[in-house]
Amino acid sequence: MNGSDSSPLAMDSDVEQPHVLACTEVWGGNRSTVRTVKLPSLSAWVCSSPLDSEVGGGDLHFFSVCDYDVLSRVALADVSGHGREVNEVTQKLHGLMRENVNRWDQSDFMRGLNQAFGRRGEGKYATAIVLSYNRVKMRLSFSNAGHLPPLWYHAGSRTWDWLEETAESTSQKLSGLPVGLIPGTDYRQTVVALEPLDLLVLYTDGLTEAENANGEDLGRNQLMEWARRIPVDSPSAAGRELWERLQKFRGSHRHDDETILVLQREQEFLPAMLGGVARSYVAGHWKKGRKQTKP
């Protein structure tokens, strides 16, 4: 089945202001999207194109910011099925993002996602990758449930590699499987230092399994080769270049939803950043106090 050949880049999001996430906000979904997103200490660009743009697809993307402008979370999932079949899953993922908006530890989040699919009893599953960035600790925590590893650009050395979990050879428990396959699956967290101007490129298998006119898959290795040639000065520049290369590679031979999500850590002046966090913390406590004393 071939999908529509129209590109969401035709919407030209560069003429729009970035969507700046407010404290406690959760934003995203499974509809056709091209947008720049601003999170605390991070800039992002997302382009998602479902096969059926009217009802949405199986690629789900969400962003959230905690109550105090410190913790940002990004989730990308690829659900088996398309369209209306995954709308319930989209709502569940949105709810989990909301419930865990202030939690650095992602264990409950991943267990909740696995249980949500297991309870459906329809044989559905999803690959997913969830990342949390703490702007004060300057650390990125991520968990991978069978999803393709993101590409990681190290600005300091100007090199690319993969963002992959650390091996735990002593662990005997099943871990890292797609959500919904086996109840009780364990999901590890790996914490890394994300340096200023580093880039992360998240994507779904609609890219790596894309085929050209000769029936050849793009594959991870070719995607990495493309990444080594793209501009790295902004998430939108990097993402747009990858998206345009994908369209040229596959032409009209399309058979899956396609999503690219690019993150970049901004270069911030530390005292100014800490001052902003302090103001958000005071404002957050004031709002909570107002809610508690409301008659």
C-alpha atoms as a PDB file:
ATOM      1  CA  MET A   1       0.000   0.000   0.000  1.00  0.00           C
ATOM      2  CA  ASN A   2       1.382   3.362  -0.988  1.00  0.00           C
ATOM      3  CA  GLY A   3       0.543   6.421   1.073  1.00  0.00           C
ATOM      4  CA  SER A   4       0.081   9.985  -0.030  1.00  0.00           C
ATOM      5  CA  ASP A   5       3.171  11.532  -1.565  1.00  0.00           C
ATOM      6  CA  SER A   6       2.476  14.940  -0.031  1.00  0.00           C
ATOM      7  CA  SER A   7       5.084  16.217   2.434  1.00  0.00           C
ATOM      8  CA  PRO A   8       4.208  17.929   5.728  1.00  0.00           C
ATOM      9  CA  LEU A   9       7.122  20.297   5.068  1.00  0.00           C
ATOM     10  CA  ALA A  10       4.821  22.041   2.631  1.00  0.00           C
ATOM     11  CA  MET A  11       3.287  23.653   5.735  1.00  0.00           C
ATOM     12  CA  ASP A  12       6.587  25.548   6.177  1.00  0.00           C
ATOM     13  CA  SER A  13       6.755  25.753   9.969  1.00  0.00           C
ATOM     14  CA  ASP A  14       9.640  28.236   9.785  1.00  0.00           C
ATOM     15  CA  VAL A  15       7.112  31.064   9.395  1.00  0.00           C
ATOM     16  CA  GLU A  16       5.541  30.107  12.746  1.00  0.00           C
ATOM     17  CA  GLN A  17       6.815  30.921  16.206  1.00  0.00           C
ATOM     18  CA  PRO A  18       8.187  27.864  18.054  1.00  0.00           C
ATOM     19  CA  HIS A  19       5.771  26.163  20.405  1.00  0.00           C
ATOM     20  CA  VAL A  20       7.171  27.040  23.845  1.00  0.00           C
ATOM     21  CA  LEU A  21       6.055  24.494  26.423  1.00  0.00           C
ATOM     22  CA  ALA A  22       4.804  25.988  29.674  1.00  0.00           C
ATOM     23  CA  CYS A  23       5.340  24.371  33.065  1.00  0.00           C
ATOM     24  CA  THR A  24       3.165  21.224  33.527  1.00  0.00           C
ATOM     25  CA  GLU A  25       2.300  21.146  29.805  1.00  0.00           C
ATOM     26  CA  VAL A  26       2.099  17.964  27.726  1.00  0.00           C
ATOM     27  CA  TRP A  27       2.067  18.428  23.943  1.00  0.00           C
ATOM     28  CA  GLY A  28       2.024  16.049  20.995  1.00  0.00           C
ATOM     29  CA  GLY A  29      -0.036  13.281  19.426  1.00  0.00           C
ATOM     30  CA  ASN A  30      -0.223  11.108  16.313  1.00  0.00           C
ATOM     31  CA  ARG A  31      -1.356  13.565  13.636  1.00  0.00           C
ATOM     32  CA  SER A  32       0.559  15.131  10.760  1.00  0.00           C
ATOM     33  CA  THR A  33       2.935  17.642  12.334  1.00  0.00           C
ATOM     34  CA  VAL A  34       5.914  19.805  11.487  1.00  0.00           C
ATOM     35  CA  ARG A  35       6.904  22.150  14.287  1.00  0.00           C
ATOM     36  CA  THR A  36       9.769  23.640  16.255  1.00  0.00           C
ATOM     37  CA  VAL A  37       9.353  23.098  20.009  1.00  0.00           C
ATOM     38  CA  LYS A  38      11.113  24.887  22.871  1.00  0.00           C
ATOM     39  CA  LEU A  39      11.743  23.128  26.188  1.00  0.00           C
ATOM     40  CA  PRO A  40      13.923  24.160  29.149  1.00  0.00           C
ATOM     41  CA  SER A  41      17.531  24.174  27.857  1.00  0.00           C
ATOM     42  CA  LEU A  42      16.478  22.210  24.772  1.00  0.00           C
ATOM     43  CA  SER A  43      15.297  23.021  21.273  1.00  0.00           C
ATOM     44  CA  ALA A  44      13.408  20.421  19.252  1.00  0.00           C
ATOM     45  CA  TRP A  45      12.001  19.920  15.780  1.00  0.00           C
ATOM     46  CA  VAL A  46       9.466  17.238  14.920  1.00  0.00           C
ATOM     47  CA  CYS A  47       8.104  16.157  11.558  1.00  0.00           C
ATOM     48  CA  SER A  48       5.555  13.341  11.568  1.00  0.00           C
ATOM     49  CA  SER A  49       3.648  12.144   8.519  1.00  0.00           C
ATOM     50  CA  PRO A  50       1.064   9.357   8.973  1.00  0.00           C
ATOM     51  CA  LEU A  51      -0.076   7.340   6.003  1.00  0.00           C
ATOM     52  CA  ASP A  52      -3.621   8.470   6.728  1.00  0.00           C
ATOM     53  CA  SER A  53      -3.334  12.113   7.717  1.00  0.00           C
ATOM     54  CA  GLU A  54      -7.068  12.428   8.412  1.00  0.00           C
ATOM     55  CA  VAL A  55      -7.271   9.918  11.283  1.00  0.00           C
ATOM     56  CA  GLY A  56      -3.639   9.862  12.454  1.00  0.00           C
ATOM     57  CA  GLY A  57      -1.018   7.147  12.464  1.00  0.00           C
ATOM     58  CA  GLY A  58       0.853   4.708  14.643  1.00  0.00           C
ATOM     59  CA  ASP A  59       3.786   7.082  15.290  1.00  0.00           C
ATOM     60  CA  LEU A  60       3.216   8.903  18.592  1.00  0.00           C
ATOM     61  CA  HIS A  61       5.331  11.822  19.823  1.00  0.00           C
ATOM     62  CA  PHE A  62       4.951  13.743  23.084  1.00  0.00           C
ATOM     63  CA  PHE A  63       6.830  16.473  24.971  1.00  0.00           C
ATOM     64  CA  SER A  64       6.361  17.596  28.575  1.00  0.00           C
ATOM     65  CA  VAL A  65       7.818  20.059  31.087  1.00  0.00           C
ATOM     66  CA  CYS A  66       7.642  19.693  34.876  1.00  0.00           C
ATOM     67  CA  ASP A  67       6.045  22.136  37.340  1.00  0.00           C
ATOM     68  CA  TYR A  68       9.328  23.970  37.958  1.00  0.00           C
ATOM     69  CA  ASP A  69      10.883  24.307  34.489  1.00  0.00           C
ATOM     70  CA  VAL A  70      13.673  21.844  35.343  1.00  0.00           C
ATOM     71  CA  LEU A  71      12.718  18.467  33.858  1.00  0.00           C
ATOM     72  CA  SER A  72      11.783  17.904  30.211  1.00  0.00           C
ATOM     73  CA  ARG A  73      10.544  14.586  28.815  1.00  0.00           C
ATOM     74  CA  VAL A  74      10.314  13.402  25.219  1.00  0.00           C
ATOM     75  CA  ALA A  75       8.633  10.179  24.108  1.00  0.00           C
ATOM     76  CA  LEU A  76       8.495   8.613  20.656  1.00  0.00           C
ATOM     77  CA  ALA A  77       6.524   5.401  20.104  1.00  0.00           C
ATOM     78  CA  ASP A  78       5.733   3.278  17.065  1.00  0.00           C
ATOM     79  CA  VAL A  79       2.492   1.367  17.634  1.00  0.00           C
ATOM     80  CA  SER A  80       1.452  -1.697  15.660  1.00  0.00           C
ATOM     81  CA  GLY A  81      -1.558  -0.676  13.596  1.00  0.00           C
ATOM     82  CA  HIS A  82      -2.698   2.628  12.163  1.00  0.00           C
ATOM     83  CA  GLY A  83      -5.418   5.231  12.313  1.00  0.00           C
ATOM     84  CA  ARG A  84      -8.338   4.852  14.716  1.00  0.00           C
ATOM     85  CA  GLU A  85      -6.888   1.678  16.224  1.00  0.00           C
ATOM     86  CA  VAL A  86      -4.209   3.648  18.089  1.00  0.00           C
ATOM     87  CA  ASN A  87      -6.232   6.635  19.304  1.00  0.00           C
ATOM     88  CA  GLU A  88      -6.840   4.984  22.680  1.00  0.00           C
ATOM     89  CA  VAL A  89      -3.107   4.307  23.023  1.00  0.00           C
ATOM     90  CA  THR A  90      -2.377   7.946  22.181  1.00  0.00           C
ATOM     91  CA  GLN A  91      -4.610   9.074  25.046  1.00  0.00           C
ATOM     92  CA  LYS A  92      -2.961   6.610  27.430  1.00  0.00           C
ATOM     93  CA  LEU A  93       0.518   7.844  26.552  1.00  0.00           C
ATOM     94  CA  HIS A  94      -0.635  11.432  27.053  1.00  0.00           C
ATOM     95  CA  GLY A  95      -1.989  10.453  30.489  1.00  0.00           C
ATOM     96  CA  LEU A  96       1.276   8.763  31.487  1.00  0.00           C
ATOM     97  CA  MET A  97       3.235  11.842  30.431  1.00  0.00           C
ATOM     98  CA  ARG A  98       0.944  13.914  32.659  1.00  0.00           C
ATOM     99  CA  GLU A  99       1.155  11.560  35.655  1.00  0.00           C
ATOM    100  CA  ASN A 100       4.957  11.435  35.521  1.00  0.00           C
ATOM    101  CA  VAL A 101       5.610  15.059  34.580  1.00  0.00           C
ATOM    102  CA  ASN A 102       7.672  15.734  37.744  1.00  0.00           C
ATOM    103  CA  ARG A 103       9.476  12.367  37.994  1.00  0.00           C
ATOM    104  CA  TRP A 104      13.071  11.955  36.903  1.00  0.00           C
ATOM    105  CA  ASP A 105      12.883   8.177  37.401  1.00  0.00           C
ATOM    106  CA  GLN A 106      11.151   6.607  34.381  1.00  0.00           C
ATOM    107  CA  SER A 107      10.537   3.152  35.868  1.00  0.00           C
ATOM    108  CA  ASP A 108       6.854   3.737  36.680  1.00  0.00           C
ATOM    109  CA  PHE A 109       6.320   5.375  33.298  1.00  0.00           C
ATOM    110  CA  MET A 110       7.686   2.401  31.352  1.00  0.00           C
ATOM    111  CA  ARG A 111       5.868  -0.158  33.526  1.00  0.00           C
ATOM    112  CA  GLY A 112       2.627   1.773  33.044  1.00  0.00           C
ATOM    113  CA  LEU A 113       3.087   1.798  29.289  1.00  0.00           C
ATOM    114  CA  ASN A 114       3.776  -1.944  29.215  1.00  0.00           C
ATOM    115  CA  GLN A 115       0.731  -2.676  31.393  1.00  0.00           C
ATOM    116  CA  ALA A 116      -1.497  -0.456  29.263  1.00  0.00           C
ATOM    117  CA  PHE A 117      -0.746  -2.516  26.168  1.00  0.00           C
ATOM    118  CA  GLY A 118      -0.949  -5.819  28.051  1.00  0.00           C
ATOM    119  CA  ARG A 119      -4.449  -5.047  29.332  1.00  0.00           C
ATOM    120  CA  ARG A 120      -5.786  -4.442  25.823  1.00  0.00           C
ATOM    121  CA  GLY A 121      -5.569  -8.143  25.044  1.00  0.00           C
ATOM    122  CA  GLU A 122      -5.490  -7.534  21.296  1.00  0.00           C
ATOM    123  CA  GLY A 123      -1.928  -8.604  20.611  1.00  0.00           C
ATOM    124  CA  LYS A 124      -0.886  -4.999  20.159  1.00  0.00           C
ATOM    125  CA  TYR A 125       2.590  -3.829  21.031  1.00  0.00           C
ATOM    126  CA  ALA A 126       4.800  -0.801  20.472  1.00  0.00           C
ATOM    127  CA  THR A 127       8.427   0.131  20.381  1.00  0.00           C
ATOM    128  CA  ALA A 128       9.158   3.264  22.374  1.00  0.00           C
ATOM    129  CA  ILE A 129      12.004   5.454  23.526  1.00  0.00           C
ATOM    130  CA  VAL A 130      11.587   7.891  26.413  1.00  0.00           C
ATOM    131  CA  LEU A 131      14.122  10.565  27.359  1.00  0.00           C
ATOM    132  CA  SER A 132      14.228  12.922  30.341  1.00  0.00           C
ATOM    133  CA  TYR A 133      16.575  15.899  30.589  1.00  0.00           C
ATOM    134  CA  ASN A 134      17.395  17.628  33.897  1.00  0.00           C
ATOM    135  CA  ARG A 135      18.692  21.100  33.103  1.00  0.00           C
ATOM    136  CA  VAL A 136      20.252  21.601  36.555  1.00  0.00           C
ATOM    137  CA  LYS A 137      22.130  18.280  36.632  1.00  0.00           C
ATOM    138  CA  MET A 138      22.754  18.590  32.862  1.00  0.00           C
ATOM    139  CA  ARG A 139      22.068  14.884  32.490  1.00  0.00           C
ATOM    140  CA  LEU A 140      19.897  12.902  30.094  1.00  0.00           C
ATOM    141  CA  SER A 141      18.149   9.731  31.242  1.00  0.00           C
ATOM    142  CA  PHE A 142      16.632   7.396  28.663  1.00  0.00           C
ATOM    143  CA  SER A 143      14.846   4.054  28.431  1.00  0.00           C
ATOM    144  CA  ASN A 144      14.460   2.051  25.249  1.00  0.00           C
ATOM    145  CA  ALA A 145      11.656  -0.469  24.672  1.00  0.00           C
ATOM    146  CA  GLY A 146      12.813  -2.183  21.498  1.00  0.00           C
ATOM    147  CA  HIS A 147      13.020   1.081  19.555  1.00  0.00           C
ATOM    148  CA  LEU A 148      15.696   1.999  17.037  1.00  0.00           C
ATOM    149  CA  PRO A 149      18.606   3.787  18.763  1.00  0.00           C
ATOM    150  CA  PRO A 150      18.799   7.569  18.243  1.00  0.00           C
ATOM    151  CA  LEU A 151      21.728   9.117  16.428  1.00  0.00           C
ATOM    152  CA  TRP A 152      23.917  11.267  18.689  1.00  0.00           C
ATOM    153  CA  TYR A 153      26.033  14.153  17.448  1.00  0.00           C
ATOM    154  CA  HIS A 154      28.833  15.122  19.876  1.00  0.00           C
ATOM    155  CA  ALA A 155      29.431  18.807  19.235  1.00  0.00           C
ATOM    156  CA  GLY A 156      32.759  18.882  21.098  1.00  0.00           C
ATOM    157  CA  SER A 157      34.396  16.260  18.874  1.00  0.00           C
ATOM    158  CA  ARG A 158      32.126  16.768  15.824  1.00  0.00           C
ATOM    159  CA  THR A 159      31.446  13.047  15.646  1.00  0.00           C
ATOM    160  CA  TRP A 160      28.317  10.890  15.356  1.00  0.00           C
ATOM    161  CA  ASP A 161      27.412   7.628  17.049  1.00  0.00           C
ATOM    162  CA  TRP A 162      24.351   5.873  18.540  1.00  0.00           C
ATOM    163  CA  LEU A 163      22.599   6.588  21.828  1.00  0.00           C
ATOM    164  CA  GLU A 164      22.455   3.073  23.242  1.00  0.00           C
ATOM    165  CA  GLU A 165      21.844   1.556  26.660  1.00  0.00           C
ATOM    166  CA  THR A 166      24.737   0.305  28.728  1.00  0.00           C
ATOM    167  CA  ALA A 167      25.094  -3.473  28.782  1.00  0.00           C
ATOM    168  CA  GLU A 168      24.252  -5.312  32.002  1.00  0.00           C
ATOM    169  CA  SER A 169      25.594  -8.795  31.423  1.00  0.00           C
ATOM    170  CA  THR A 170      24.817  -9.889  34.998  1.00  0.00           C
ATOM    171  CA  SER A 171      21.084  -9.195  34.646  1.00  0.00           C
ATOM    172  CA  GLN A 172      18.967 -12.305  34.123  1.00  0.00           C
ATOM    173  CA  LYS A 173      15.655 -10.462  33.680  1.00  0.00           C
ATOM    174  CA  LEU A 174      14.096  -9.762  30.324  1.00  0.00           C
ATOM    175  CA  SER A 175      14.602  -6.098  29.566  1.00  0.00           C
ATOM    176  CA  GLY A 176      14.114  -3.590  26.807  1.00  0.00           C
ATOM    177  CA  LEU A 177      11.406  -5.498  24.914  1.00  0.00           C
ATOM    178  CA  PRO A 178       8.676  -3.623  23.052  1.00  0.00           C
ATOM    179  CA  VAL A 179       5.847  -2.676  25.402  1.00  0.00           C
ATOM    180  CA  GLY A 180       2.853  -5.026  25.445  1.00  0.00           C
ATOM    181  CA  LEU A 181       4.697  -8.265  24.687  1.00  0.00           C
ATOM    182  CA  ILE A 182       5.409  -9.732  28.140  1.00  0.00           C
ATOM    183  CA  PRO A 183       3.952  -8.558  31.487  1.00  0.00           C
ATOM    184  CA  GLY A 184       6.584  -7.595  34.057  1.00  0.00           C
ATOM    185  CA  THR A 185       9.291  -6.743  31.537  1.00  0.00           C
ATOM    186  CA  ASP A 186      12.069  -4.683  33.117  1.00  0.00           C
ATOM    187  CA  TYR A 187      13.113  -1.391  31.522  1.00  0.00           C
ATOM    188  CA  ARG A 188      16.521   0.025  32.360  1.00  0.00           C
ATOM    189  CA  GLN A 189      17.530   3.650  32.535  1.00  0.00           C
ATOM    190  CA  THR A 190      20.823   4.907  31.212  1.00  0.00           C
ATOM    191  CA  VAL A 191      22.105   8.343  32.223  1.00  0.00           C
ATOM    192  CA  VAL A 192      24.523  10.290  30.021  1.00  0.00           C
ATOM    193  CA  ALA A 193      25.946  13.798  29.915  1.00  0.00           C
ATOM    194  CA  LEU A 194      24.406  15.842  27.125  1.00  0.00           C
ATOM    195  CA  GLU A 195      26.893  18.554  26.237  1.00  0.00           C
ATOM    196  CA  PRO A 196      26.055  22.021  24.833  1.00  0.00           C
ATOM    197  CA  LEU A 197      25.014  21.906  21.153  1.00  0.00           C
ATOM    198  CA  ASP A 198      24.854  18.089  21.085  1.00  0.00           C
ATOM    199  CA  LEU A 199      22.121  16.745  18.801  1.00  0.00           C
ATOM    200  CA  LEU A 200      19.911  13.671  19.132  1.00  0.00           C
ATOM    201  CA  VAL A 201      17.949  12.354  16.142  1.00  0.00           C
ATOM    202  CA  LEU A 202      14.994  10.091  16.996  1.00  0.00           C
ATOM    203  CA  TYR A 203      13.081   8.311  14.243  1.00  0.00           C
ATOM    204  CA  THR A 204      10.686   5.464  13.528  1.00  0.00           C
ATOM    205  CA  ASP A 205      11.188   2.448  11.287  1.00  0.00           C
ATOM    206  CA  GLY A 206       9.258   4.181   8.534  1.00  0.00           C
ATOM    207  CA  LEU A 207      12.655   5.711   7.733  1.00  0.00           C
ATOM    208  CA  THR A 208      14.998   2.747   8.023  1.00  0.00           C
ATOM    209  CA  GLU A 209      12.559   0.416   6.235  1.00  0.00           C
ATOM    210  CA  ALA A 210      11.788   2.905   3.465  1.00  0.00           C
ATOM    211  CA  GLU A 211      12.411   1.419   0.004  1.00  0.00           C
ATOM    212  CA  ASN A 212      13.676   2.998  -3.162  1.00  0.00           C
ATOM    213  CA  ALA A 213      12.493   2.156  -6.693  1.00  0.00           C
ATOM    214  CA  ASN A 214      14.761  -0.912  -6.701  1.00  0.00           C
ATOM    215  CA  GLY A 215      13.212  -2.333  -3.532  1.00  0.00           C
ATOM    216  CA  GLU A 216      16.303  -1.571  -1.404  1.00  0.00           C
ATOM    217  CA  ASP A 217      15.814  -0.598   2.237  1.00  0.00           C
ATOM    218  CA  LEU A 218      17.398   2.583   3.540  1.00  0.00           C
ATOM    219  CA  GLY A 219      18.724   0.922   6.696  1.00  0.00           C
ATOM    220  CA  ARG A 220      20.500   2.315   9.767  1.00  0.00           C
ATOM    221  CA  ASN A 221      23.935   2.523   8.179  1.00  0.00           C
ATOM    222  CA  GLN A 222      22.742   4.725   5.329  1.00  0.00           C
ATOM    223  CA  LEU A 223      20.848   6.936   7.786  1.00  0.00           C
ATOM    224  CA  MET A 224      24.083   7.422   9.728  1.00  0.00           C
ATOM    225  CA  GLU A 225      25.909   8.341   6.510  1.00  0.00           C
ATOM    226  CA  TRP A 226      23.273  10.961   5.804  1.00  0.00           C
ATOM    227  CA  ALA A 227      23.616  12.334   9.329  1.00  0.00           C
ATOM    228  CA  ARG A 228      27.339  12.892   8.847  1.00  0.00           C
ATOM    229  CA  ARG A 229      26.533  15.302   5.985  1.00  0.00           C
ATOM    230  CA  ILE A 230      23.690  17.344   7.458  1.00  0.00           C
ATOM    231  CA  PRO A 231      23.922  20.839   9.020  1.00  0.00           C
ATOM    232  CA  VAL A 232      24.116  20.727  12.820  1.00  0.00           C
ATOM    233  CA  ASP A 233      23.514  24.381  13.715  1.00  0.00           C
ATOM    234  CA  SER A 234      19.848  23.819  14.604  1.00  0.00           C
ATOM    235  CA  PRO A 235      17.355  20.940  15.026  1.00  0.00           C
ATOM    236  CA  SER A 236      15.189  22.230  12.173  1.00  0.00           C
ATOM    237  CA  ALA A 237      18.135  22.449   9.759  1.00  0.00           C
ATOM    238  CA  ALA A 238      19.241  18.913  10.617  1.00  0.00           C
ATOM    239  CA  GLY A 239      15.731  17.475  10.520  1.00  0.00           C
ATOM    240  CA  ARG A 240      14.721  19.117   7.265  1.00  0.00           C
ATOM    241  CA  GLU A 241      17.830  17.885   5.485  1.00  0.00           C
ATOM    242  CA  LEU A 242      17.175  14.305   6.623  1.00  0.00           C
ATOM    243  CA  TRP A 243      13.516  14.557   5.639  1.00  0.00           C
ATOM    244  CA  GLU A 244      14.315  15.840   2.155  1.00  0.00           C
ATOM    245  CA  ARG A 245      16.891  13.087   1.636  1.00  0.00           C
ATOM    246  CA  LEU A 246      14.251  10.523   2.654  1.00  0.00           C
ATOM    247  CA  GLN A 247      11.752  11.859   0.115  1.00  0.00           C
ATOM    248  CA  LYS A 248      14.338  11.713  -2.686  1.00  0.00           C
ATOM    249  CA  PHE A 249      15.371   8.186  -1.699  1.00  0.00           C
ATOM    250  CA  ARG A 250      11.936   6.576  -1.635  1.00  0.00           C
ATOM    251  CA  GLY A 251      10.078   8.759  -4.148  1.00  0.00           C
ATOM    252  CA  SER A 252       6.426   7.669  -4.148  1.00  0.00           C
ATOM    253  CA  HIS A 253       7.223   4.175  -2.780  1.00  0.00           C
ATOM    254  CA  ARG A 254       5.825   4.654   0.701  1.00  0.00           C
ATOM    255  CA  HIS A 255       4.251   2.041   2.998  1.00  0.00           C
ATOM    256  CA  ASP A 256       4.500   3.304   6.596  1.00  0.00           C
ATOM    257  CA  ASP A 257       4.165   6.302   8.894  1.00  0.00           C
ATOM    258  CA  GLU A 258       7.334   8.417   9.040  1.00  0.00           C
ATOM    259  CA  THR A 259       8.600  10.519  11.953  1.00  0.00           C
ATOM    260  CA  ILE A 260      11.833  12.407  12.649  1.00  0.00           C
ATOM    261  CA  LEU A 261      12.381  14.172  15.979  1.00  0.00           C
ATOM    262  CA  VAL A 262      15.575  16.179  16.555  1.00  0.00           C
ATOM    263  CA  LEU A 263      16.712  17.535  19.931  1.00  0.00           C
ATOM    264  CA  GLN A 264      19.572  19.930  20.665  1.00  0.00           C
ATOM    265  CA  ARG A 265      20.905  21.084  24.002  1.00  0.00           C
ATOM    266  CA  GLU A 266      21.224  24.845  24.045  1.00  0.00           C
ATOM    267  CA  GLN A 267      24.329  26.699  25.172  1.00  0.00           C
ATOM    268  CA  GLU A 268      23.192  28.573  28.285  1.00  0.00           C
ATOM    269  CA  PHE A 269      24.883  30.956  30.706  1.00  0.00           C
ATOM    270  CA  LEU A 270      24.721  29.043  34.005  1.00  0.00           C
ATOM    271  CA  PRO A 271      23.787  31.917  36.393  1.00  0.00           C
ATOM    272  CA  ALA A 272      20.981  33.042  34.080  1.00  0.00           C
ATOM    273  CA  MET A 273      19.681  29.463  33.787  1.00  0.00           C
ATOM    274  CA  LEU A 274      19.690  28.938  37.573  1.00  0.00           C
ATOM    275  CA  GLY A 275      17.953  32.280  38.056  1.00  0.00           C
ATOM    276  CA  GLY A 276      15.196  31.207  35.660  1.00  0.00           C
ATOM    277  CA  VAL A 277      14.783  27.901  37.491  1.00  0.00           C
ATOM    278  CA  ALA A 278      14.505  29.719  40.843  1.00  0.00           C
ATOM    279  CA  ARG A 279      11.794  32.028  39.505  1.00  0.00           C
ATOM    280  CA  SER A 280       9.833  29.092  38.091  1.00  0.00           C
ATOM    281  CA  TYR A 281      10.159  27.237  41.420  1.00  0.00           C
ATOM    282  CA  VAL A 282       8.765  30.197  43.380  1.00  0.00           C
ATOM    283  CA  ALA A 283       5.960  30.705  40.856  1.00  0.00           C
ATOM    284  CA  GLY A 284       5.076  27.001  40.964  1.00  0.00           C
ATOM    285  CA  HIS A 285       4.819  27.012  44.756  1.00  0.00           C
ATOM    286  CA  TRP A 286       2.706  30.170  44.656  1.00  0.00           C
ATOM    287  CA  LYS A 287       0.245  28.602  42.194  1.00  0.00           C
ATOM    288  CA  LYS A 288      -0.018  25.431  44.286  1.00  0.00           C
ATOM    289  CA  GLY A 289      -0.654  27.535  47.386  1.00  0.00           C
ATOM    290  CA  ARG A 290      -3.424  29.407  45.591  1.00  0.00           C
ATOM    291  CA  LYS A 291      -5.108  26.150  44.570  1.00  0.00           C
ATOM    292  CA  GLN A 292      -4.959  24.737  48.110  1.00  0.00           C
ATOM    293  CA  THR A 293      -6.500  27.854  49.699  1.00  0.00           C
ATOM    294  CA  LYS A 294      -9.230  28.263  47.073  1.00  0.00           C
ATOM    295  CA  PRO A 295     -12.710  28.046  48.735  1.00  0.00           C
END
